[in-house]
Amino acid sequence: MPVLRQYLRGAEPYYILRSPGMSSARVPLWMTEPAAARYRIRNPPLLSRDALMDLRHQVDVVLSTKRRSELATLRVRTGPAKKITAHRS
């Protein structure tokens, strides 16, 4: 597949690849190295339900913390929220 572009997302390098059907895919650089061909997909999954639930909790914590940070930044830029009252005529 032709490489359209290479870029960094955080510290992770990625390629944008063009498939024969003209669609594109973002692929981490490590997946294009020969060592990645040795990985095998296992069936059934090896992660327990508890491990997946713990991962979900960790992701929720990170996302909620990020959201609170974004809201705080927005409040600093725009000032405190103001109550809007409807005027009836």
N, C-alpha and C. Protein backbone atom coordinates (compact mmCIF):
# COMPACT_ATOMS: atom_id res chain seq x y z
N MET A 1 0.84 -1.18 0.00
CA MET A 1 0.00 0.00 0.00
C MET A 1 0.89 1.24 0.00
N PRO A 2 0.54 2.23 -0.77
CA PRO A 2 1.31 3.47 -0.77
C PRO A 2 1.09 4.26 0.53
N VAL A 3 2.17 4.89 1.00
CA VAL A 3 2.09 5.76 2.18
C VAL A 3 1.78 7.17 1.68
N LEU A 4 0.67 7.72 2.15
CA LEU A 4 0.29 9.07 1.77
C LEU A 4 0.96 10.11 2.64
N ARG A 5 1.13 9.76 3.91
CA ARG A 5 1.64 10.73 4.87
C ARG A 5 2.13 10.01 6.11
N GLN A 6 3.06 10.63 6.81
CA GLN A 6 3.50 10.14 8.12
C GLN A 6 3.38 11.31 9.09
N TYR A 7 2.91 11.03 10.29
CA TYR A 7 2.78 12.09 11.29
C TYR A 7 2.89 11.50 12.68
N LEU A 8 3.00 12.38 13.66
CA LEU A 8 3.04 11.98 15.06
C LEU A 8 1.71 12.33 15.71
N ARG A 9 1.21 11.41 16.51
CA ARG A 9 0.05 11.69 17.36
C ARG A 9 0.54 11.44 18.77
N GLY A 10 0.77 12.51 19.51
CA GLY A 10 1.48 12.39 20.77
C GLY A 10 2.91 12.01 20.43
N ALA A 11 3.40 10.94 21.01
CA ALA A 11 4.75 10.48 20.71
C ALA A 11 4.73 9.30 19.74
N GLU A 12 3.55 8.89 19.28
CA GLU A 12 3.40 7.70 18.44
C GLU A 12 3.39 8.07 16.96
N PRO A 13 4.36 7.53 16.17
CA PRO A 13 4.34 7.80 14.72
C PRO A 13 3.28 6.95 14.02
N TYR A 14 2.60 7.54 13.04
CA TYR A 14 1.56 6.88 12.26
C TYR A 14 1.83 7.09 10.77
N TYR A 15 1.32 6.16 9.98
CA TYR A 15 1.26 6.30 8.52
C TYR A 15 -0.20 6.41 8.11
N ILE A 16 -0.45 7.20 7.08
CA ILE A 16 -1.74 7.17 6.39
C ILE A 16 -1.48 6.37 5.12
N LEU A 17 -2.16 5.23 4.99
CA LEU A 17 -1.96 4.33 3.87
C LEU A 17 -3.16 4.39 2.92
N ARG A 18 -2.90 4.22 1.62
CA ARG A 18 -3.97 4.19 0.62
C ARG A 18 -4.17 2.75 0.18
N SER A 19 -5.40 2.24 0.30
CA SER A 19 -5.68 0.87 -0.11
C SER A 19 -6.00 0.83 -1.60
N PRO A 20 -5.99 -0.35 -2.20
CA PRO A 20 -6.32 -0.45 -3.64
C PRO A 20 -7.70 0.11 -3.97
N GLY A 21 -8.65 0.05 -3.04
CA GLY A 21 -9.98 0.59 -3.27
C GLY A 21 -10.06 2.10 -3.08
N MET A 22 -8.91 2.76 -2.91
CA MET A 22 -8.78 4.21 -2.76
C MET A 22 -9.27 4.74 -1.42
N SER A 23 -9.53 3.87 -0.45
CA SER A 23 -9.82 4.37 0.89
C SER A 23 -8.48 4.50 1.62
N SER A 24 -8.48 5.19 2.72
CA SER A 24 -7.23 5.37 3.46
C SER A 24 -7.39 4.83 4.87
N ALA A 25 -6.26 4.52 5.50
CA ALA A 25 -6.27 3.99 6.86
C ALA A 25 -5.11 4.59 7.62
N ARG A 26 -5.34 4.90 8.90
CA ARG A 26 -4.28 5.37 9.79
C ARG A 26 -3.73 4.15 10.52
N VAL A 27 -2.44 3.91 10.39
CA VAL A 27 -1.81 2.72 10.95
C VAL A 27 -0.60 3.13 11.77
N PRO A 28 -0.51 2.68 13.03
CA PRO A 28 0.69 2.97 13.82
C PRO A 28 1.93 2.37 13.13
N LEU A 29 3.03 3.08 13.21
CA LEU A 29 4.26 2.64 12.56
C LEU A 29 4.65 1.23 13.00
N TRP A 30 4.48 0.90 14.28
CA TRP A 30 4.92 -0.42 14.77
C TRP A 30 4.19 -1.55 14.05
N MET A 31 2.98 -1.30 13.56
CA MET A 31 2.23 -2.35 12.87
C MET A 31 2.79 -2.65 11.48
N THR A 32 3.66 -1.79 10.96
CA THR A 32 4.24 -2.01 9.64
C THR A 32 5.61 -2.69 9.71
N GLU A 33 6.10 -2.92 10.90
CA GLU A 33 7.41 -3.55 11.07
C GLU A 33 7.29 -5.07 11.01
N PRO A 34 8.32 -5.78 10.56
CA PRO A 34 8.27 -7.24 10.43
C PRO A 34 7.89 -7.95 11.74
N ALA A 35 8.30 -7.44 12.87
CA ALA A 35 7.98 -8.09 14.15
C ALA A 35 6.47 -8.15 14.39
N ALA A 36 5.72 -7.20 13.84
CA ALA A 36 4.27 -7.18 14.04
C ALA A 36 3.59 -8.38 13.36
N ALA A 37 4.22 -8.95 12.35
CA ALA A 37 3.64 -10.10 11.65
C ALA A 37 3.59 -11.35 12.53
N ARG A 38 4.35 -11.36 13.60
CA ARG A 38 4.37 -12.52 14.50
C ARG A 38 3.18 -12.53 15.46
N TYR A 39 2.48 -11.39 15.60
CA TYR A 39 1.33 -11.34 16.50
C TYR A 39 0.18 -12.13 15.91
N ARG A 40 -0.54 -12.82 16.75
CA ARG A 40 -1.70 -13.59 16.32
C ARG A 40 -2.92 -13.17 17.13
N ILE A 41 -4.05 -13.14 16.48
CA ILE A 41 -5.31 -12.84 17.16
C ILE A 41 -5.80 -14.14 17.78
N ARG A 42 -6.17 -14.07 19.04
CA ARG A 42 -6.62 -15.26 19.76
C ARG A 42 -8.13 -15.24 19.90
N ASN A 43 -8.69 -16.42 19.87
CA ASN A 43 -10.12 -16.53 20.04
C ASN A 43 -10.35 -17.67 21.03
N PRO A 44 -11.03 -17.53 22.09
CA PRO A 44 -11.68 -16.33 22.59
C PRO A 44 -10.69 -15.34 23.20
N PRO A 45 -11.16 -14.10 23.45
CA PRO A 45 -10.27 -13.09 24.03
C PRO A 45 -9.69 -13.56 25.36
N LEU A 46 -8.50 -13.09 25.66
CA LEU A 46 -7.83 -13.49 26.90
C LEU A 46 -8.07 -12.53 28.05
N LEU A 47 -8.80 -11.45 27.81
CA LEU A 47 -9.09 -10.50 28.89
C LEU A 47 -10.39 -10.89 29.59
N SER A 48 -10.34 -10.84 30.89
CA SER A 48 -11.53 -11.17 31.66
C SER A 48 -12.51 -10.00 31.66
N ARG A 49 -13.73 -10.29 32.02
CA ARG A 49 -14.74 -9.25 32.14
C ARG A 49 -14.30 -8.20 33.15
N ASP A 50 -13.74 -8.64 34.28
CA ASP A 50 -13.28 -7.70 35.31
C ASP A 50 -12.19 -6.77 34.77
N ALA A 51 -11.27 -7.32 33.97
CA ALA A 51 -10.21 -6.49 33.40
C ALA A 51 -10.80 -5.45 32.45
N LEU A 52 -11.79 -5.85 31.65
CA LEU A 52 -12.43 -4.90 30.73
C LEU A 52 -13.22 -3.83 31.49
N MET A 53 -13.88 -4.23 32.56
CA MET A 53 -14.63 -3.26 33.38
C MET A 53 -13.67 -2.27 34.04
N ASP A 54 -12.52 -2.75 34.50
CA ASP A 54 -11.52 -1.87 35.10
C ASP A 54 -10.98 -0.89 34.05
N LEU A 55 -10.74 -1.38 32.85
CA LEU A 55 -10.28 -0.50 31.77
C LEU A 55 -11.32 0.56 31.47
N ARG A 56 -12.58 0.17 31.42
CA ARG A 56 -13.65 1.13 31.15
C ARG A 56 -13.69 2.21 32.23
N HIS A 57 -13.52 1.80 33.49
CA HIS A 57 -13.50 2.76 34.59
C HIS A 57 -12.34 3.75 34.41
N GLN A 58 -11.15 3.24 34.08
CA GLN A 58 -9.98 4.10 33.89
C GLN A 58 -10.21 5.10 32.76
N VAL A 59 -10.79 4.64 31.66
CA VAL A 59 -11.08 5.53 30.53
C VAL A 59 -12.09 6.59 30.94
N ASP A 60 -13.13 6.20 31.66
CA ASP A 60 -14.13 7.16 32.14
C ASP A 60 -13.50 8.23 33.02
N VAL A 61 -12.59 7.84 33.90
CA VAL A 61 -11.92 8.80 34.78
C VAL A 61 -11.10 9.79 33.95
N VAL A 62 -10.34 9.28 33.00
CA VAL A 62 -9.50 10.16 32.17
C VAL A 62 -10.38 11.11 31.36
N LEU A 63 -11.43 10.59 30.75
CA LEU A 63 -12.29 11.45 29.94
C LEU A 63 -13.03 12.49 30.78
N SER A 64 -13.49 12.12 31.97
CA SER A 64 -14.20 13.09 32.80
C SER A 64 -13.24 14.16 33.31
N THR A 65 -12.00 13.77 33.62
CA THR A 65 -11.00 14.75 34.05
C THR A 65 -10.68 15.71 32.93
N LYS A 66 -10.53 15.18 31.72
CA LYS A 66 -10.25 16.02 30.55
C LYS A 66 -11.41 16.99 30.31
N ARG A 67 -12.63 16.49 30.41
CA ARG A 67 -13.81 17.33 30.19
C ARG A 67 -13.88 18.46 31.23
N ARG A 68 -13.61 18.13 32.50
CA ARG A 68 -13.62 19.18 33.54
C ARG A 68 -12.56 20.22 33.25
N SER A 69 -11.39 19.79 32.78
CA SER A 69 -10.31 20.71 32.46
C SER A 69 -10.70 21.62 31.30
N GLU A 70 -11.35 21.03 30.28
CA GLU A 70 -11.80 21.84 29.14
C GLU A 70 -12.85 22.86 29.57
N LEU A 71 -13.77 22.45 30.44
CA LEU A 71 -14.78 23.38 30.92
C LEU A 71 -14.16 24.51 31.74
N ALA A 72 -13.18 24.19 32.58
CA ALA A 72 -12.50 25.21 33.38
C ALA A 72 -11.78 26.20 32.47
N THR A 73 -11.14 25.71 31.42
CA THR A 73 -10.45 26.58 30.47
C THR A 73 -11.45 27.48 29.77
N LEU A 74 -12.60 26.93 29.39
CA LEU A 74 -13.63 27.71 28.73
C LEU A 74 -14.15 28.80 29.66
N ARG A 75 -14.35 28.48 30.94
CA ARG A 75 -14.84 29.47 31.91
C ARG A 75 -13.83 30.60 32.09
N VAL A 76 -12.54 30.27 32.09
CA VAL A 76 -11.52 31.30 32.24
C VAL A 76 -11.56 32.24 31.04
N ARG A 77 -11.72 31.68 29.84
CA ARG A 77 -11.75 32.50 28.63
C ARG A 77 -13.01 33.35 28.52
N THR A 78 -14.16 32.78 28.90
CA THR A 78 -15.42 33.47 28.67
C THR A 78 -16.02 34.11 29.92
N GLY A 79 -15.45 33.83 31.08
CA GLY A 79 -16.00 34.36 32.32
C GLY A 79 -17.03 33.40 32.90
N PRO A 80 -17.52 33.69 34.08
CA PRO A 80 -18.48 32.79 34.72
C PRO A 80 -19.79 32.72 33.93
N ALA A 81 -20.50 31.63 34.12
CA ALA A 81 -21.80 31.47 33.45
C ALA A 81 -22.79 32.48 33.99
N LYS A 82 -23.62 33.00 33.12
CA LYS A 82 -24.64 33.97 33.52
C LYS A 82 -26.02 33.36 33.33
N LYS A 83 -26.89 33.65 34.28
CA LYS A 83 -28.26 33.13 34.18
C LYS A 83 -29.02 33.95 33.14
N ILE A 84 -29.70 33.26 32.27
CA ILE A 84 -30.49 33.93 31.23
C ILE A 84 -31.95 33.76 31.60
N THR A 85 -32.66 34.88 31.65
CA THR A 85 -34.09 34.80 31.97
C THR A 85 -34.89 35.22 30.74
N ALA A 86 -35.97 34.55 30.53
CA ALA A 86 -36.83 34.88 29.39
C ALA A 86 -37.73 36.05 29.77
N HIS A 87 -37.87 36.98 28.86
CA HIS A 87 -38.77 38.11 29.08
C HIS A 87 -40.05 37.84 28.31
N ARG A 88 -41.16 37.93 29.01
CA ARG A 88 -42.43 37.71 28.36
C ARG A 88 -43.07 39.04 28.00
N SER A 89 -43.65 39.08 26.80
CA SER A 89 -44.29 40.34 26.39
C SER A 89 -45.77 40.25 26.47
